[in-house]
Amino acid sequence: MVTLSENAAIKIKQLVGDKPAAGLRVKVVGGGCSGLQYRMEIDAQGERDKVFERDGARLIVDKKSFLYLNGAQLDYAEELMSSGFKLVNPNAKRTCGCGESFIV
């Protein structure tokens, strides 16, 4: 299971707008200095995707990425120097210095 914080759910609903079948897709792809990195985009659910919901916001994860994201929590924060989604992933054994990639 991948959980959404209240702030993440609010932001996803803002981004999706009036597209009720859409949600935030989170993928794990190869790349970055540690070997794996996250990609996010607004997308519709595919036939084999897993969907996690909170307060009407949808998080879409493909089955391969779910292997790396099971147990993670997606949060959203707006801070003075940066704003954005943040994944707290207990499966990541190590991250790079910039925090953009990870190793399992």
N, C-alpha and C. Protein backbone atom coordinates (compact mmCIF):
# COMPACT_ATOMS: atom_id res chain seq x y z
N MET A 1 0.84 -1.18 0.00
CA MET A 1 0.00 0.00 0.00
C MET A 1 0.89 1.24 0.00
N VAL A 2 0.46 2.25 -0.71
CA VAL A 2 1.10 3.56 -0.70
C VAL A 2 0.08 4.54 -0.14
N THR A 3 0.47 5.31 0.85
CA THR A 3 -0.48 6.22 1.49
C THR A 3 -0.21 7.66 1.05
N LEU A 4 -1.24 8.48 1.17
CA LEU A 4 -1.18 9.90 0.82
C LEU A 4 -1.42 10.71 2.07
N SER A 5 -0.62 11.74 2.27
CA SER A 5 -0.90 12.67 3.37
C SER A 5 -2.07 13.57 2.95
N GLU A 6 -2.64 14.27 3.90
CA GLU A 6 -3.73 15.19 3.60
C GLU A 6 -3.26 16.27 2.61
N ASN A 7 -2.05 16.80 2.83
CA ASN A 7 -1.52 17.84 1.94
C ASN A 7 -1.31 17.31 0.52
N ALA A 8 -0.84 16.08 0.38
CA ALA A 8 -0.66 15.49 -0.95
C ALA A 8 -2.01 15.33 -1.65
N ALA A 9 -3.01 14.88 -0.93
CA ALA A 9 -4.35 14.71 -1.52
C ALA A 9 -4.90 16.04 -2.01
N ILE A 10 -4.74 17.08 -1.24
CA ILE A 10 -5.23 18.40 -1.63
C ILE A 10 -4.53 18.86 -2.90
N LYS A 11 -3.21 18.72 -2.96
CA LYS A 11 -2.45 19.18 -4.13
C LYS A 11 -2.79 18.36 -5.38
N ILE A 12 -2.95 17.05 -5.23
CA ILE A 12 -3.31 16.22 -6.38
C ILE A 12 -4.65 16.66 -6.95
N LYS A 13 -5.62 16.91 -6.08
CA LYS A 13 -6.94 17.36 -6.55
C LYS A 13 -6.83 18.70 -7.28
N GLN A 14 -5.97 19.59 -6.81
CA GLN A 14 -5.76 20.88 -7.49
C GLN A 14 -5.16 20.65 -8.88
N LEU A 15 -4.18 19.77 -8.97
CA LEU A 15 -3.50 19.52 -10.25
C LEU A 15 -4.39 18.82 -11.26
N VAL A 16 -5.19 17.89 -10.79
CA VAL A 16 -6.06 17.11 -11.69
C VAL A 16 -7.21 17.97 -12.20
N GLY A 17 -7.71 18.85 -11.35
CA GLY A 17 -8.79 19.74 -11.76
C GLY A 17 -10.06 19.00 -12.11
N ASP A 18 -10.57 19.24 -13.30
CA ASP A 18 -11.86 18.67 -13.70
C ASP A 18 -11.73 17.38 -14.50
N LYS A 19 -10.65 16.66 -14.34
CA LYS A 19 -10.46 15.37 -15.01
C LYS A 19 -10.69 14.26 -13.97
N PRO A 20 -11.92 13.82 -13.77
CA PRO A 20 -12.22 12.90 -12.67
C PRO A 20 -11.54 11.54 -12.76
N ALA A 21 -11.19 11.09 -13.95
CA ALA A 21 -10.56 9.77 -14.08
C ALA A 21 -9.04 9.85 -13.93
N ALA A 22 -8.51 11.04 -13.81
CA ALA A 22 -7.06 11.21 -13.74
C ALA A 22 -6.57 11.21 -12.30
N GLY A 23 -5.26 11.03 -12.17
CA GLY A 23 -4.62 11.08 -10.87
C GLY A 23 -3.14 11.35 -11.05
N LEU A 24 -2.40 11.33 -9.98
CA LEU A 24 -0.96 11.51 -10.03
C LEU A 24 -0.32 10.14 -10.17
N ARG A 25 0.38 9.94 -11.27
CA ARG A 25 1.11 8.68 -11.49
C ARG A 25 2.51 8.85 -10.94
N VAL A 26 2.94 7.90 -10.12
CA VAL A 26 4.30 7.86 -9.60
C VAL A 26 4.97 6.61 -10.16
N LYS A 27 6.12 6.80 -10.79
CA LYS A 27 6.88 5.69 -11.38
C LYS A 27 8.27 5.66 -10.77
N VAL A 28 8.86 4.48 -10.77
CA VAL A 28 10.26 4.32 -10.45
C VAL A 28 10.95 3.93 -11.75
N VAL A 29 11.95 4.71 -12.14
CA VAL A 29 12.68 4.47 -13.38
C VAL A 29 14.17 4.45 -13.09
N GLY A 30 14.92 3.84 -13.99
CA GLY A 30 16.37 3.83 -13.87
C GLY A 30 16.93 5.21 -14.11
N GLY A 31 17.98 5.57 -13.38
CA GLY A 31 18.65 6.85 -13.59
C GLY A 31 19.09 7.48 -12.30
N GLY A 32 19.66 8.65 -12.41
CA GLY A 32 20.16 9.35 -11.24
C GLY A 32 21.49 8.78 -10.78
N CYS A 33 22.10 9.42 -9.81
CA CYS A 33 23.42 8.97 -9.35
C CYS A 33 23.38 7.69 -8.53
N SER A 34 22.22 7.31 -7.99
CA SER A 34 22.13 6.09 -7.19
C SER A 34 21.50 4.92 -7.94
N GLY A 35 20.99 5.15 -9.14
CA GLY A 35 20.47 4.04 -9.93
C GLY A 35 18.98 4.05 -10.19
N LEU A 36 18.17 4.56 -9.27
CA LEU A 36 16.71 4.64 -9.45
C LEU A 36 16.23 6.04 -9.08
N GLN A 37 15.20 6.48 -9.76
CA GLN A 37 14.62 7.77 -9.43
C GLN A 37 13.11 7.75 -9.65
N TYR A 38 12.43 8.74 -9.08
CA TYR A 38 10.98 8.84 -9.19
C TYR A 38 10.62 9.75 -10.35
N ARG A 39 9.50 9.43 -11.00
CA ARG A 39 8.90 10.30 -12.01
C ARG A 39 7.44 10.47 -11.64
N MET A 40 6.91 11.65 -11.83
CA MET A 40 5.50 11.92 -11.52
C MET A 40 4.87 12.66 -12.69
N GLU A 41 3.60 12.33 -12.97
CA GLU A 41 2.85 12.99 -14.02
C GLU A 41 1.36 12.79 -13.78
N ILE A 42 0.56 13.68 -14.32
CA ILE A 42 -0.89 13.51 -14.28
C ILE A 42 -1.25 12.54 -15.40
N ASP A 43 -2.03 11.50 -15.07
CA ASP A 43 -2.32 10.45 -16.03
C ASP A 43 -3.62 9.76 -15.64
N ALA A 44 -4.12 8.94 -16.55
CA ALA A 44 -5.30 8.11 -16.27
C ALA A 44 -4.85 6.72 -15.86
N GLN A 45 -5.70 6.03 -15.16
CA GLN A 45 -5.41 4.68 -14.70
C GLN A 45 -5.38 3.71 -15.88
N GLY A 46 -4.36 2.85 -15.89
CA GLY A 46 -4.28 1.78 -16.87
C GLY A 46 -4.89 0.51 -16.30
N GLU A 47 -5.03 -0.47 -17.16
CA GLU A 47 -5.70 -1.73 -16.79
C GLU A 47 -5.00 -2.46 -15.65
N ARG A 48 -3.67 -2.42 -15.61
CA ARG A 48 -2.92 -3.20 -14.61
C ARG A 48 -2.36 -2.36 -13.47
N ASP A 49 -2.76 -1.11 -13.38
CA ASP A 49 -2.26 -0.21 -12.35
C ASP A 49 -2.92 -0.45 -11.00
N LYS A 50 -2.21 -0.07 -9.95
CA LYS A 50 -2.77 -0.03 -8.61
C LYS A 50 -3.13 1.43 -8.33
N VAL A 51 -4.28 1.65 -7.70
CA VAL A 51 -4.73 3.00 -7.40
C VAL A 51 -4.98 3.11 -5.90
N PHE A 52 -4.44 4.18 -5.32
CA PHE A 52 -4.62 4.46 -3.90
C PHE A 52 -5.31 5.82 -3.81
N GLU A 53 -6.31 5.92 -2.95
CA GLU A 53 -7.11 7.14 -2.88
C GLU A 53 -7.19 7.68 -1.47
N ARG A 54 -7.33 9.00 -1.42
CA ARG A 54 -7.62 9.68 -0.16
C ARG A 54 -8.41 10.94 -0.48
N ASP A 55 -9.55 11.07 0.14
CA ASP A 55 -10.40 12.26 -0.01
C ASP A 55 -10.64 12.63 -1.48
N GLY A 56 -10.79 11.64 -2.34
CA GLY A 56 -11.07 11.89 -3.74
C GLY A 56 -9.85 12.08 -4.62
N ALA A 57 -8.66 12.09 -4.04
CA ALA A 57 -7.41 12.20 -4.82
C ALA A 57 -6.92 10.79 -5.14
N ARG A 58 -6.43 10.62 -6.36
CA ARG A 58 -5.98 9.30 -6.81
C ARG A 58 -4.48 9.30 -7.06
N LEU A 59 -3.80 8.29 -6.50
CA LEU A 59 -2.39 8.04 -6.76
C LEU A 59 -2.31 6.75 -7.57
N ILE A 60 -1.69 6.80 -8.73
CA ILE A 60 -1.64 5.67 -9.65
C ILE A 60 -0.20 5.15 -9.71
N VAL A 61 -0.05 3.83 -9.54
CA VAL A 61 1.27 3.20 -9.55
C VAL A 61 1.21 1.95 -10.41
N ASP A 62 2.15 1.82 -11.36
CA ASP A 62 2.20 0.59 -12.14
C ASP A 62 2.77 -0.54 -11.29
N LYS A 63 2.53 -1.78 -11.71
CA LYS A 63 2.89 -2.94 -10.88
C LYS A 63 4.40 -3.05 -10.63
N LYS A 64 5.22 -2.71 -11.62
CA LYS A 64 6.67 -2.78 -11.44
C LYS A 64 7.13 -1.76 -10.40
N SER A 65 6.64 -0.53 -10.52
CA SER A 65 7.02 0.51 -9.56
C SER A 65 6.52 0.20 -8.16
N PHE A 66 5.37 -0.48 -8.06
CA PHE A 66 4.82 -0.82 -6.75
C PHE A 66 5.79 -1.69 -5.95
N LEU A 67 6.58 -2.51 -6.62
CA LEU A 67 7.56 -3.33 -5.91
C LEU A 67 8.54 -2.47 -5.11
N TYR A 68 8.84 -1.28 -5.61
CA TYR A 68 9.75 -0.36 -4.93
C TYR A 68 9.04 0.60 -3.98
N LEU A 69 7.73 0.79 -4.17
CA LEU A 69 7.00 1.81 -3.42
C LEU A 69 6.08 1.27 -2.32
N ASN A 70 5.94 -0.03 -2.23
CA ASN A 70 5.05 -0.61 -1.22
C ASN A 70 5.48 -0.16 0.18
N GLY A 71 4.57 0.45 0.90
CA GLY A 71 4.86 0.94 2.25
C GLY A 71 5.26 2.41 2.30
N ALA A 72 5.36 3.05 1.14
CA ALA A 72 5.79 4.45 1.08
C ALA A 72 4.63 5.39 1.39
N GLN A 73 4.97 6.63 1.74
CA GLN A 73 3.97 7.68 1.93
C GLN A 73 4.35 8.87 1.07
N LEU A 74 3.35 9.40 0.36
CA LEU A 74 3.54 10.60 -0.45
C LEU A 74 3.04 11.80 0.33
N ASP A 75 3.89 12.82 0.44
CA ASP A 75 3.53 14.05 1.13
C ASP A 75 3.75 15.22 0.18
N TYR A 76 3.19 16.37 0.52
CA TYR A 76 3.42 17.59 -0.24
C TYR A 76 3.68 18.71 0.76
N ALA A 77 4.71 19.50 0.49
CA ALA A 77 5.04 20.61 1.38
C ALA A 77 5.36 21.85 0.56
N GLU A 78 4.91 22.99 1.05
CA GLU A 78 5.27 24.29 0.49
C GLU A 78 6.13 24.99 1.52
N GLU A 79 7.39 25.20 1.16
CA GLU A 79 8.34 25.84 2.06
C GLU A 79 8.97 27.05 1.39
N LEU A 80 9.67 27.84 2.13
CA LEU A 80 10.26 29.06 1.61
C LEU A 80 11.20 28.80 0.44
N MET A 81 12.07 27.81 0.54
CA MET A 81 13.08 27.56 -0.49
C MET A 81 12.67 26.52 -1.52
N SER A 82 11.68 25.71 -1.21
CA SER A 82 11.25 24.68 -2.17
C SER A 82 9.85 24.20 -1.84
N SER A 83 9.17 23.76 -2.87
CA SER A 83 7.84 23.18 -2.71
C SER A 83 7.75 21.96 -3.60
N GLY A 84 6.99 20.96 -3.16
CA GLY A 84 6.81 19.80 -4.01
C GLY A 84 6.42 18.57 -3.25
N PHE A 85 6.22 17.51 -4.03
CA PHE A 85 5.90 16.21 -3.46
C PHE A 85 7.17 15.57 -2.92
N LYS A 86 7.01 14.80 -1.85
CA LYS A 86 8.13 14.08 -1.26
C LYS A 86 7.65 12.67 -0.93
N LEU A 87 8.42 11.69 -1.37
CA LEU A 87 8.11 10.30 -1.04
C LEU A 87 8.97 9.85 0.12
N VAL A 88 8.34 9.37 1.16
CA VAL A 88 9.05 8.75 2.28
C VAL A 88 8.96 7.26 2.02
N ASN A 89 10.07 6.68 1.56
CA ASN A 89 10.08 5.30 1.09
C ASN A 89 10.96 4.44 2.00
N PRO A 90 10.34 3.54 2.79
CA PRO A 90 11.12 2.70 3.68
C PRO A 90 11.95 1.66 2.94
N ASN A 91 11.70 1.46 1.65
CA ASN A 91 12.46 0.49 0.86
C ASN A 91 13.79 1.05 0.37
N ALA A 92 13.95 2.35 0.38
CA ALA A 92 15.19 2.98 -0.08
C ALA A 92 16.26 2.78 0.98
N LYS A 93 17.32 2.10 0.61
CA LYS A 93 18.41 1.83 1.56
C LYS A 93 19.37 3.00 1.64
N ARG A 94 19.49 3.74 0.51
CA ARG A 94 20.41 4.87 0.47
C ARG A 94 19.93 5.84 -0.61
N THR A 95 20.13 7.12 -0.36
CA THR A 95 19.80 8.13 -1.37
C THR A 95 21.07 8.89 -1.72
N CYS A 96 21.04 9.58 -2.85
CA CYS A 96 22.19 10.39 -3.24
C CYS A 96 22.17 11.70 -2.46
N GLY A 97 23.21 12.48 -2.60
CA GLY A 97 23.33 13.73 -1.86
C GLY A 97 22.25 14.74 -2.18
N CYS A 98 21.79 14.74 -3.43
CA CYS A 98 20.75 15.71 -3.80
C CYS A 98 19.35 15.21 -3.45
N GLY A 99 19.22 13.93 -3.10
CA GLY A 99 17.92 13.39 -2.71
C GLY A 99 17.01 13.03 -3.87
N GLU A 100 17.53 13.07 -5.09
CA GLU A 100 16.72 12.81 -6.27
C GLU A 100 16.72 11.34 -6.69
N SER A 101 17.67 10.55 -6.22
CA SER A 101 17.70 9.13 -6.61
C SER A 101 17.99 8.27 -5.39
N PHE A 102 17.78 6.95 -5.57
CA PHE A 102 17.91 6.05 -4.43
C PHE A 102 18.32 4.65 -4.87
N ILE A 103 18.66 3.84 -3.88
CA ILE A 103 19.03 2.43 -4.07
C ILE A 103 18.19 1.59 -3.12
N VAL A 104 17.75 0.42 -3.59
CA VAL A 104 17.01 -0.50 -2.70
C VAL A 104 17.88 -1.69 -2.35
